[in-house]
Amino acid sequence: NVMSLIFQSLVMVTPDLALVPQLAEKVDISPD
């Protein structure tokens, strides 16, 4: 809780428990 005010990560969790980008603007996943 302390660190989440100071730092950020590539993705984050929303209140509805979805995984979404935070620092990342876009995430591409290869077909495999």
PDB file of all heavy atoms in Angstrom:
ATOM      1  N   ASN A   1       0.825  -1.202   0.000  1.00  0.00           N
ATOM      2  CA  ASN A   1       0.000   0.000   0.000  1.00  0.00           C
ATOM      3  C   ASN A   1       0.861   1.255   0.000  1.00  0.00           C
ATOM      4  O   ASN A   1       0.513   2.259  -0.635  1.00  0.00           O
ATOM      5  CB  ASN A   1      -0.930   0.000   1.220  1.00  0.00           C
ATOM      6  CG  ASN A   1      -2.113  -0.921   1.048  1.00  0.00           C
ATOM      7  OD1 ASN A   1      -2.434  -1.334  -0.054  1.00  0.00           O
ATOM      8  ND2 ASN A   1      -2.754  -1.276   2.140  1.00  0.00           N
ATOM      9  N   VAL A   2       1.966   1.213   0.715  1.00  0.00           N
ATOM     10  CA  VAL A   2       2.910   2.340   0.690  1.00  0.00           C
ATOM     11  C   VAL A   2       3.497   2.498  -0.709  1.00  0.00           C
ATOM     12  O   VAL A   2       3.487   3.582  -1.297  1.00  0.00           O
ATOM     13  CB  VAL A   2       4.031   2.131   1.730  1.00  0.00           C
ATOM     14  CG1 VAL A   2       5.137   3.171   1.550  1.00  0.00           C
ATOM     15  CG2 VAL A   2       3.477   2.203   3.144  1.00  0.00           C
ATOM     16  N   MET A   3       3.999   1.391  -1.257  1.00  0.00           N
ATOM     17  CA  MET A   3       4.697   1.458  -2.548  1.00  0.00           C
ATOM     18  C   MET A   3       3.783   1.860  -3.693  1.00  0.00           C
ATOM     19  O   MET A   3       4.219   2.507  -4.648  1.00  0.00           O
ATOM     20  CB  MET A   3       5.358   0.113  -2.841  1.00  0.00           C
ATOM     21  CG  MET A   3       6.532  -0.196  -1.937  1.00  0.00           C
ATOM     22  SD  MET A   3       7.479  -1.649  -2.472  1.00  0.00           S
ATOM     23  CE  MET A   3       6.299  -2.962  -2.167  1.00  0.00           C
ATOM     24  N   SER A   4       2.502   1.503  -3.615  1.00  0.00           N
ATOM     25  CA  SER A   4       1.601   1.800  -4.732  1.00  0.00           C
ATOM     26  C   SER A   4       1.285   3.288  -4.858  1.00  0.00           C
ATOM     27  O   SER A   4       0.714   3.712  -5.854  1.00  0.00           O
ATOM     28  CB  SER A   4       0.300   0.992  -4.603  1.00  0.00           C
ATOM     29  OG  SER A   4      -0.460   1.426  -3.496  1.00  0.00           O
ATOM     30  N   LEU A   5       1.654   4.074  -3.851  1.00  0.00           N
ATOM     31  CA  LEU A   5       1.564   5.533  -3.977  1.00  0.00           C
ATOM     32  C   LEU A   5       2.818   6.108  -4.629  1.00  0.00           C
ATOM     33  O   LEU A   5       2.764   7.172  -5.258  1.00  0.00           O
ATOM     34  CB  LEU A   5       1.370   6.181  -2.604  1.00  0.00           C
ATOM     35  CG  LEU A   5       0.047   5.906  -1.894  1.00  0.00           C
ATOM     36  CD1 LEU A   5       0.089   6.471  -0.477  1.00  0.00           C
ATOM     37  CD2 LEU A   5      -1.131   6.496  -2.660  1.00  0.00           C
ATOM     38  N   ILE A   6       3.939   5.394  -4.492  1.00  0.00           N
ATOM     39  CA  ILE A   6       5.242   5.897  -4.939  1.00  0.00           C
ATOM     40  C   ILE A   6       5.613   5.397  -6.323  1.00  0.00           C
ATOM     41  O   ILE A   6       6.143   6.137  -7.152  1.00  0.00           O
ATOM     42  CB  ILE A   6       6.345   5.449  -3.957  1.00  0.00           C
ATOM     43  CG1 ILE A   6       6.015   5.856  -2.532  1.00  0.00           C
ATOM     44  CG2 ILE A   6       7.706   5.999  -4.376  1.00  0.00           C
ATOM     45  CD1 ILE A   6       6.888   5.164  -1.490  1.00  0.00           C
ATOM     46  N   PHE A   7       5.366   4.117  -6.570  1.00  0.00           N
ATOM     47  CA  PHE A   7       5.797   3.471  -7.805  1.00  0.00           C
ATOM     48  C   PHE A   7       4.600   3.087  -8.672  1.00  0.00           C
ATOM     49  O   PHE A   7       3.454   3.115  -8.222  1.00  0.00           O
ATOM     50  CB  PHE A   7       6.603   2.208  -7.481  1.00  0.00           C
ATOM     51  CG  PHE A   7       7.830   2.434  -6.653  1.00  0.00           C
ATOM     52  CD1 PHE A   7       7.969   1.836  -5.403  1.00  0.00           C
ATOM     53  CD2 PHE A   7       8.866   3.230  -7.124  1.00  0.00           C
ATOM     54  CE1 PHE A   7       9.104   2.025  -4.635  1.00  0.00           C
ATOM     55  CE2 PHE A   7      10.008   3.428  -6.364  1.00  0.00           C
ATOM     56  CZ  PHE A   7      10.129   2.826  -5.117  1.00  0.00           C
ATOM     57  N   GLN A   8       4.887   2.677  -9.907  1.00  0.00           N
ATOM     58  CA  GLN A   8       3.862   2.114 -10.781  1.00  0.00           C
ATOM     59  C   GLN A   8       4.433   0.908 -11.509  1.00  0.00           C
ATOM     60  O   GLN A   8       5.643   0.678 -11.524  1.00  0.00           O
ATOM     61  CB  GLN A   8       3.346   3.168 -11.772  1.00  0.00           C
ATOM     62  CG  GLN A   8       2.559   4.279 -11.101  1.00  0.00           C
ATOM     63  CD  GLN A   8       1.677   5.066 -12.057  1.00  0.00           C
ATOM     64  OE1 GLN A   8       2.012   5.263 -13.227  1.00  0.00           O
ATOM     65  NE2 GLN A   8       0.545   5.530 -11.555  1.00  0.00           N
ATOM     66  N   SER A   9       3.533   0.126 -12.111  1.00  0.00           N
ATOM     67  CA  SER A   9       3.916  -1.112 -12.787  1.00  0.00           C
ATOM     68  C   SER A   9       3.362  -1.110 -14.209  1.00  0.00           C
ATOM     69  O   SER A   9       2.565  -0.244 -14.584  1.00  0.00           O
ATOM     70  CB  SER A   9       3.383  -2.318 -12.004  1.00  0.00           C
ATOM     71  OG  SER A   9       2.005  -2.163 -11.726  1.00  0.00           O
ATOM     72  N   LEU A  10       3.753  -2.100 -14.996  1.00  0.00           N
ATOM     73  CA  LEU A  10       3.293  -2.160 -16.392  1.00  0.00           C
ATOM     74  C   LEU A  10       1.790  -2.386 -16.463  1.00  0.00           C
ATOM     75  O   LEU A  10       1.106  -1.798 -17.308  1.00  0.00           O
ATOM     76  CB  LEU A  10       4.040  -3.262 -17.141  1.00  0.00           C
ATOM     77  CG  LEU A  10       5.548  -3.061 -17.305  1.00  0.00           C
ATOM     78  CD1 LEU A  10       6.162  -4.236 -18.051  1.00  0.00           C
ATOM     79  CD2 LEU A  10       5.855  -1.753 -18.023  1.00  0.00           C
ATOM     80  N   VAL A  11       1.263  -3.243 -15.588  1.00  0.00           N
ATOM     81  CA  VAL A  11      -0.185  -3.494 -15.549  1.00  0.00           C
ATOM     82  C   VAL A  11      -0.657  -3.396 -14.110  1.00  0.00           C
ATOM     83  O   VAL A  11       0.138  -3.439 -13.178  1.00  0.00           O
ATOM     84  CB  VAL A  11      -0.552  -4.868 -16.161  1.00  0.00           C
ATOM     85  CG1 VAL A  11      -0.146  -4.944 -17.623  1.00  0.00           C
ATOM     86  CG2 VAL A  11       0.085  -6.001 -15.357  1.00  0.00           C
ATOM     87  N   MET A  12      -1.962  -3.277 -13.935  1.00  0.00           N
ATOM     88  CA  MET A  12      -2.530  -3.136 -12.602  1.00  0.00           C
ATOM     89  C   MET A  12      -3.881  -3.836 -12.546  1.00  0.00           C
ATOM     90  O   MET A  12      -4.423  -4.257 -13.572  1.00  0.00           O
ATOM     91  CB  MET A  12      -2.710  -1.650 -12.251  1.00  0.00           C
ATOM     92  CG  MET A  12      -3.729  -0.945 -13.126  1.00  0.00           C
ATOM     93  SD  MET A  12      -3.958   0.807 -12.714  1.00  0.00           S
ATOM     94  CE  MET A  12      -4.655   0.685 -11.073  1.00  0.00           C
ATOM     95  N   VAL A  13      -4.439  -3.929 -11.332  1.00  0.00           N
ATOM     96  CA  VAL A  13      -5.747  -4.549 -11.112  1.00  0.00           C
ATOM     97  C   VAL A  13      -6.773  -3.456 -10.825  1.00  0.00           C
ATOM     98  O   VAL A  13      -6.504  -2.529 -10.061  1.00  0.00           O
ATOM     99  CB  VAL A  13      -5.707  -5.549  -9.947  1.00  0.00           C
ATOM    100  CG1 VAL A  13      -7.092  -6.098  -9.631  1.00  0.00           C
ATOM    101  CG2 VAL A  13      -4.755  -6.692 -10.260  1.00  0.00           C
ATOM    102  N   THR A  14      -7.944  -3.579 -11.440  1.00  0.00           N
ATOM    103  CA  THR A  14      -9.018  -2.613 -11.243  1.00  0.00           C
ATOM    104  C   THR A  14      -9.953  -3.082 -10.125  1.00  0.00           C
ATOM    105  O   THR A  14      -9.865  -4.227  -9.674  1.00  0.00           O
ATOM    106  CB  THR A  14      -9.842  -2.460 -12.528  1.00  0.00           C
ATOM    107  OG1 THR A  14     -10.559  -3.687 -12.769  1.00  0.00           O
ATOM    108  CG2 THR A  14      -8.960  -2.142 -13.718  1.00  0.00           C
ATOM    109  N   PRO A  15     -10.869  -2.221  -9.682  1.00  0.00           N
ATOM    110  CA  PRO A  15     -11.817  -2.643  -8.642  1.00  0.00           C
ATOM    111  C   PRO A  15     -12.672  -3.846  -9.018  1.00  0.00           C
ATOM    112  O   PRO A  15     -13.152  -4.557  -8.145  1.00  0.00           O
ATOM    113  CB  PRO A  15     -12.672  -1.393  -8.435  1.00  0.00           C
ATOM    114  CG  PRO A  15     -11.752  -0.261  -8.769  1.00  0.00           C
ATOM    115  CD  PRO A  15     -10.949  -0.765  -9.939  1.00  0.00           C
ATOM    116  N   ASP A  16     -12.898  -4.077 -10.321  1.00  0.00           N
ATOM    117  CA  ASP A  16     -13.670  -5.255 -10.721  1.00  0.00           C
ATOM    118  C   ASP A  16     -12.760  -6.447 -11.029  1.00  0.00           C
ATOM    119  O   ASP A  16     -13.178  -7.430 -11.647  1.00  0.00           O
ATOM    120  CB  ASP A  16     -14.591  -4.944 -11.899  1.00  0.00           C
ATOM    121  CG  ASP A  16     -13.841  -4.570 -13.172  1.00  0.00           C
ATOM    122  OD1 ASP A  16     -12.589  -4.466 -13.120  1.00  0.00           O
ATOM    123  OD2 ASP A  16     -14.490  -4.372 -14.212  1.00  0.00           O
ATOM    124  N   LEU A  17     -11.481  -6.343 -10.575  1.00  0.00           N
ATOM    125  CA  LEU A  17     -10.500  -7.427 -10.645  1.00  0.00           C
ATOM    126  C   LEU A  17     -10.064  -7.750 -12.066  1.00  0.00           C
ATOM    127  O   LEU A  17      -9.659  -8.870 -12.378  1.00  0.00           O
ATOM    128  CB  LEU A  17     -11.015  -8.686  -9.934  1.00  0.00           C
ATOM    129  CG  LEU A  17     -11.446  -8.478  -8.488  1.00  0.00           C
ATOM    130  CD1 LEU A  17     -11.938  -9.786  -7.892  1.00  0.00           C
ATOM    131  CD2 LEU A  17     -10.324  -7.898  -7.656  1.00  0.00           C
ATOM    132  N   ALA A  18     -10.157  -6.753 -12.944  1.00  0.00           N
ATOM    133  CA  ALA A  18      -9.599  -6.897 -14.288  1.00  0.00           C
ATOM    134  C   ALA A  18      -8.130  -6.526 -14.267  1.00  0.00           C
ATOM    135  O   ALA A  18      -7.685  -5.718 -13.456  1.00  0.00           O
ATOM    136  CB  ALA A  18     -10.351  -5.994 -15.267  1.00  0.00           C
ATOM    137  N   LEU A  19      -7.361  -7.112 -15.167  1.00  0.00           N
ATOM    138  CA  LEU A  19      -5.961  -6.775 -15.333  1.00  0.00           C
ATOM    139  C   LEU A  19      -5.851  -5.819 -16.507  1.00  0.00           C
ATOM    140  O   LEU A  19      -6.261  -6.151 -17.626  1.00  0.00           O
ATOM    141  CB  LEU A  19      -5.145  -8.039 -15.594  1.00  0.00           C
ATOM    142  CG  LEU A  19      -3.636  -7.952 -15.407  1.00  0.00           C
ATOM    143  CD1 LEU A  19      -3.288  -7.701 -13.942  1.00  0.00           C
ATOM    144  CD2 LEU A  19      -2.964  -9.225 -15.888  1.00  0.00           C
ATOM    145  N   VAL A  20      -5.322  -4.611 -16.268  1.00  0.00           N
ATOM    146  CA  VAL A  20      -5.300  -3.562 -17.297  1.00  0.00           C
ATOM    147  C   VAL A  20      -3.927  -2.901 -17.323  1.00  0.00           C
ATOM    148  O   VAL A  20      -3.168  -2.974 -16.359  1.00  0.00           O
ATOM    149  CB  VAL A  20      -6.385  -2.498 -17.023  1.00  0.00           C
ATOM    150  CG1 VAL A  20      -7.763  -3.136 -16.980  1.00  0.00           C
ATOM    151  CG2 VAL A  20      -6.098  -1.729 -15.739  1.00  0.00           C
ATOM    152  N   PRO A  21      -3.576  -2.215 -18.429  1.00  0.00           N
ATOM    153  CA  PRO A  21      -2.303  -1.495 -18.473  1.00  0.00           C
ATOM    154  C   PRO A  21      -2.261  -0.360 -17.455  1.00  0.00           C
ATOM    155  O   PRO A  21      -3.275   0.281 -17.179  1.00  0.00           O
ATOM    156  CB  PRO A  21      -2.269  -0.940 -19.899  1.00  0.00           C
ATOM    157  CG  PRO A  21      -3.193  -1.804 -20.680  1.00  0.00           C
ATOM    158  CD  PRO A  21      -4.279  -2.180 -19.720  1.00  0.00           C
ATOM    159  N   GLN A  22      -1.072  -0.106 -16.895  1.00  0.00           N
ATOM    160  CA  GLN A  22      -0.854   1.077 -16.064  1.00  0.00           C
ATOM    161  C   GLN A  22       0.227   1.932 -16.718  1.00  0.00           C
ATOM    162  O   GLN A  22      -0.075   2.906 -17.394  1.00  0.00           O
ATOM    163  CB  GLN A  22      -0.474   0.704 -14.633  1.00  0.00           C
ATOM    164  CG  GLN A  22      -0.406   1.940 -13.706  1.00  0.00           C
ATOM    165  CD  GLN A  22      -0.073   1.618 -12.277  1.00  0.00           C
ATOM    166  OE1 GLN A  22       0.892   0.924 -12.000  1.00  0.00           O
ATOM    167  NE2 GLN A  22      -0.864   2.152 -11.350  1.00  0.00           N
ATOM    168  N   LEU A  23       1.501   1.580 -16.557  1.00  0.00           N
ATOM    169  CA  LEU A  23       2.548   2.305 -17.271  1.00  0.00           C
ATOM    170  C   LEU A  23       2.496   2.012 -18.768  1.00  0.00           C
ATOM    171  O   LEU A  23       2.770   2.883 -19.596  1.00  0.00           O
ATOM    172  CB  LEU A  23       3.921   1.919 -16.730  1.00  0.00           C
ATOM    173  CG  LEU A  23       4.367   2.586 -15.428  1.00  0.00           C
ATOM    174  CD1 LEU A  23       5.672   1.969 -14.952  1.00  0.00           C
ATOM    175  CD2 LEU A  23       4.506   4.085 -15.600  1.00  0.00           C
ATOM    176  N   ALA A  24       2.196   0.790 -19.124  1.00  0.00           N
ATOM    177  CA  ALA A  24       2.130   0.422 -20.534  1.00  0.00           C
ATOM    178  C   ALA A  24       0.969   1.139 -21.224  1.00  0.00           C
ATOM    179  O   ALA A  24      -0.092   1.316 -20.634  1.00  0.00           O
ATOM    180  CB  ALA A  24       1.976  -1.082 -20.680  1.00  0.00           C
ATOM    181  N   GLU A  25       1.204   1.563 -22.435  1.00  0.00           N
ATOM    182  CA  GLU A  25       0.111   2.109 -23.243  1.00  0.00           C
ATOM    183  C   GLU A  25      -0.581   1.006 -24.031  1.00  0.00           C
ATOM    184  O   GLU A  25      -1.766   1.117 -24.352  1.00  0.00           O
ATOM    185  CB  GLU A  25       0.654   3.163 -24.210  1.00  0.00           C
ATOM    186  CG  GLU A  25       1.109   4.451 -23.529  1.00  0.00           C
ATOM    187  CD  GLU A  25       1.503   5.525 -24.518  1.00  0.00           C
ATOM    188  OE1 GLU A  25       1.856   5.164 -25.681  1.00  0.00           O
ATOM    189  OE2 GLU A  25       1.475   6.713 -24.159  1.00  0.00           O
ATOM    190  N   LYS A  26       0.159  -0.037 -24.335  1.00  0.00           N
ATOM    191  CA  LYS A  26      -0.387  -1.136 -25.131  1.00  0.00           C
ATOM    192  C   LYS A  26       0.387  -2.401 -24.809  1.00  0.00           C
ATOM    193  O   LYS A  26       1.575  -2.352 -24.500  1.00  0.00           O
ATOM    194  CB  LYS A  26      -0.279  -0.820 -26.627  1.00  0.00           C
ATOM    195  CG  LYS A  26      -0.938  -1.847 -27.529  1.00  0.00           C
ATOM    196  CD  LYS A  26      -0.922  -1.409 -28.996  1.00  0.00           C
ATOM    197  CE  LYS A  26       0.484  -1.382 -29.559  1.00  0.00           C
ATOM    198  NZ  LYS A  26       0.493  -1.209 -31.048  1.00  0.00           N
ATOM    199  N   VAL A  27      -0.300  -3.536 -24.847  1.00  0.00           N
ATOM    200  CA  VAL A  27       0.331  -4.838 -24.649  1.00  0.00           C
ATOM    201  C   VAL A  27      -0.029  -5.725 -25.831  1.00  0.00           C
ATOM    202  O   VAL A  27      -1.210  -5.947 -26.105  1.00  0.00           O
ATOM    203  CB  VAL A  27      -0.139  -5.510 -23.339  1.00  0.00           C
ATOM    204  CG1 VAL A  27       0.576  -6.844 -23.145  1.00  0.00           C
ATOM    205  CG2 VAL A  27       0.098  -4.601 -22.141  1.00  0.00           C
ATOM    206  N   ASP A  28       0.980  -6.212 -26.538  1.00  0.00           N
ATOM    207  CA  ASP A  28       0.770  -7.140 -27.646  1.00  0.00           C
ATOM    208  C   ASP A  28       1.262  -8.524 -27.252  1.00  0.00           C
ATOM    209  O   ASP A  28       2.375  -8.671 -26.725  1.00  0.00           O
ATOM    210  CB  ASP A  28       1.519  -6.672 -28.902  1.00  0.00           C
ATOM    211  CG  ASP A  28       0.908  -5.423 -29.502  1.00  0.00           C
ATOM    212  OD1 ASP A  28      -0.314  -5.426 -29.734  1.00  0.00           O
ATOM    213  OD2 ASP A  28       1.649  -4.440 -29.715  1.00  0.00           O
ATOM    214  N   ILE A  29       0.439  -9.531 -27.511  1.00  0.00           N
ATOM    215  CA  ILE A  29       0.793 -10.914 -27.189  1.00  0.00           C
ATOM    216  C   ILE A  29       0.882 -11.701 -28.489  1.00  0.00           C
ATOM    217  O   ILE A  29      -0.038 -11.664 -29.315  1.00  0.00           O
ATOM    218  CB  ILE A  29      -0.254 -11.545 -26.261  1.00  0.00           C
ATOM    219  CG1 ILE A  29      -0.424 -10.690 -25.000  1.00  0.00           C
ATOM    220  CG2 ILE A  29       0.144 -12.965 -25.888  1.00  0.00           C
ATOM    221  CD1 ILE A  29      -1.522 -11.162 -24.093  1.00  0.00           C
ATOM    222  N   SER A  30       1.984 -12.395 -28.684  1.00  0.00           N
ATOM    223  CA  SER A  30       2.159 -13.174 -29.905  1.00  0.00           C
ATOM    224  C   SER A  30       1.135 -14.305 -29.961  1.00  0.00           C
ATOM    225  O   SER A  30       0.633 -14.756 -28.923  1.00  0.00           O
ATOM    226  CB  SER A  30       3.571 -13.752 -29.970  1.00  0.00           C
ATOM    227  OG  SER A  30       3.774 -14.675 -28.911  1.00  0.00           O
ATOM    228  N   PRO A  31       0.810 -14.783 -31.164  1.00  0.00           N
ATOM    229  CA  PRO A  31      -0.187 -15.863 -31.293  1.00  0.00           C
ATOM    230  C   PRO A  31       0.156 -17.118 -30.493  1.00  0.00           C
ATOM    231  O   PRO A  31      -0.734 -17.826 -30.034  1.00  0.00           O
ATOM    232  CB  PRO A  31      -0.194 -16.151 -32.805  1.00  0.00           C
ATOM    233  CG  PRO A  31       0.228 -14.863 -33.436  1.00  0.00           C
ATOM    234  CD  PRO A  31       1.241 -14.277 -32.484  1.00  0.00           C
ATOM    235  N   ASP A  32       1.452 -17.394 -30.296  1.00  0.00           N
ATOM    236  CA  ASP A  32       1.834 -18.583 -29.525  1.00  0.00           C
ATOM    237  C   ASP A  32       1.981 -18.279 -28.038  1.00  0.00           C
ATOM    238  O   ASP A  32       2.386 -19.146 -27.261  1.00  0.00           O
ATOM    239  CB  ASP A  32       3.123 -19.197 -30.069  1.00  0.00           C
ATOM    240  CG  ASP A  32       4.324 -18.258 -29.958  1.00  0.00           C
ATOM    241  OD1 ASP A  32       4.149 -17.108 -29.475  1.00  0.00           O
ATOM    242  OD2 ASP A  32       5.435 -18.660 -30.354  1.00  0.00           O
TER     243      ASP A  32
END
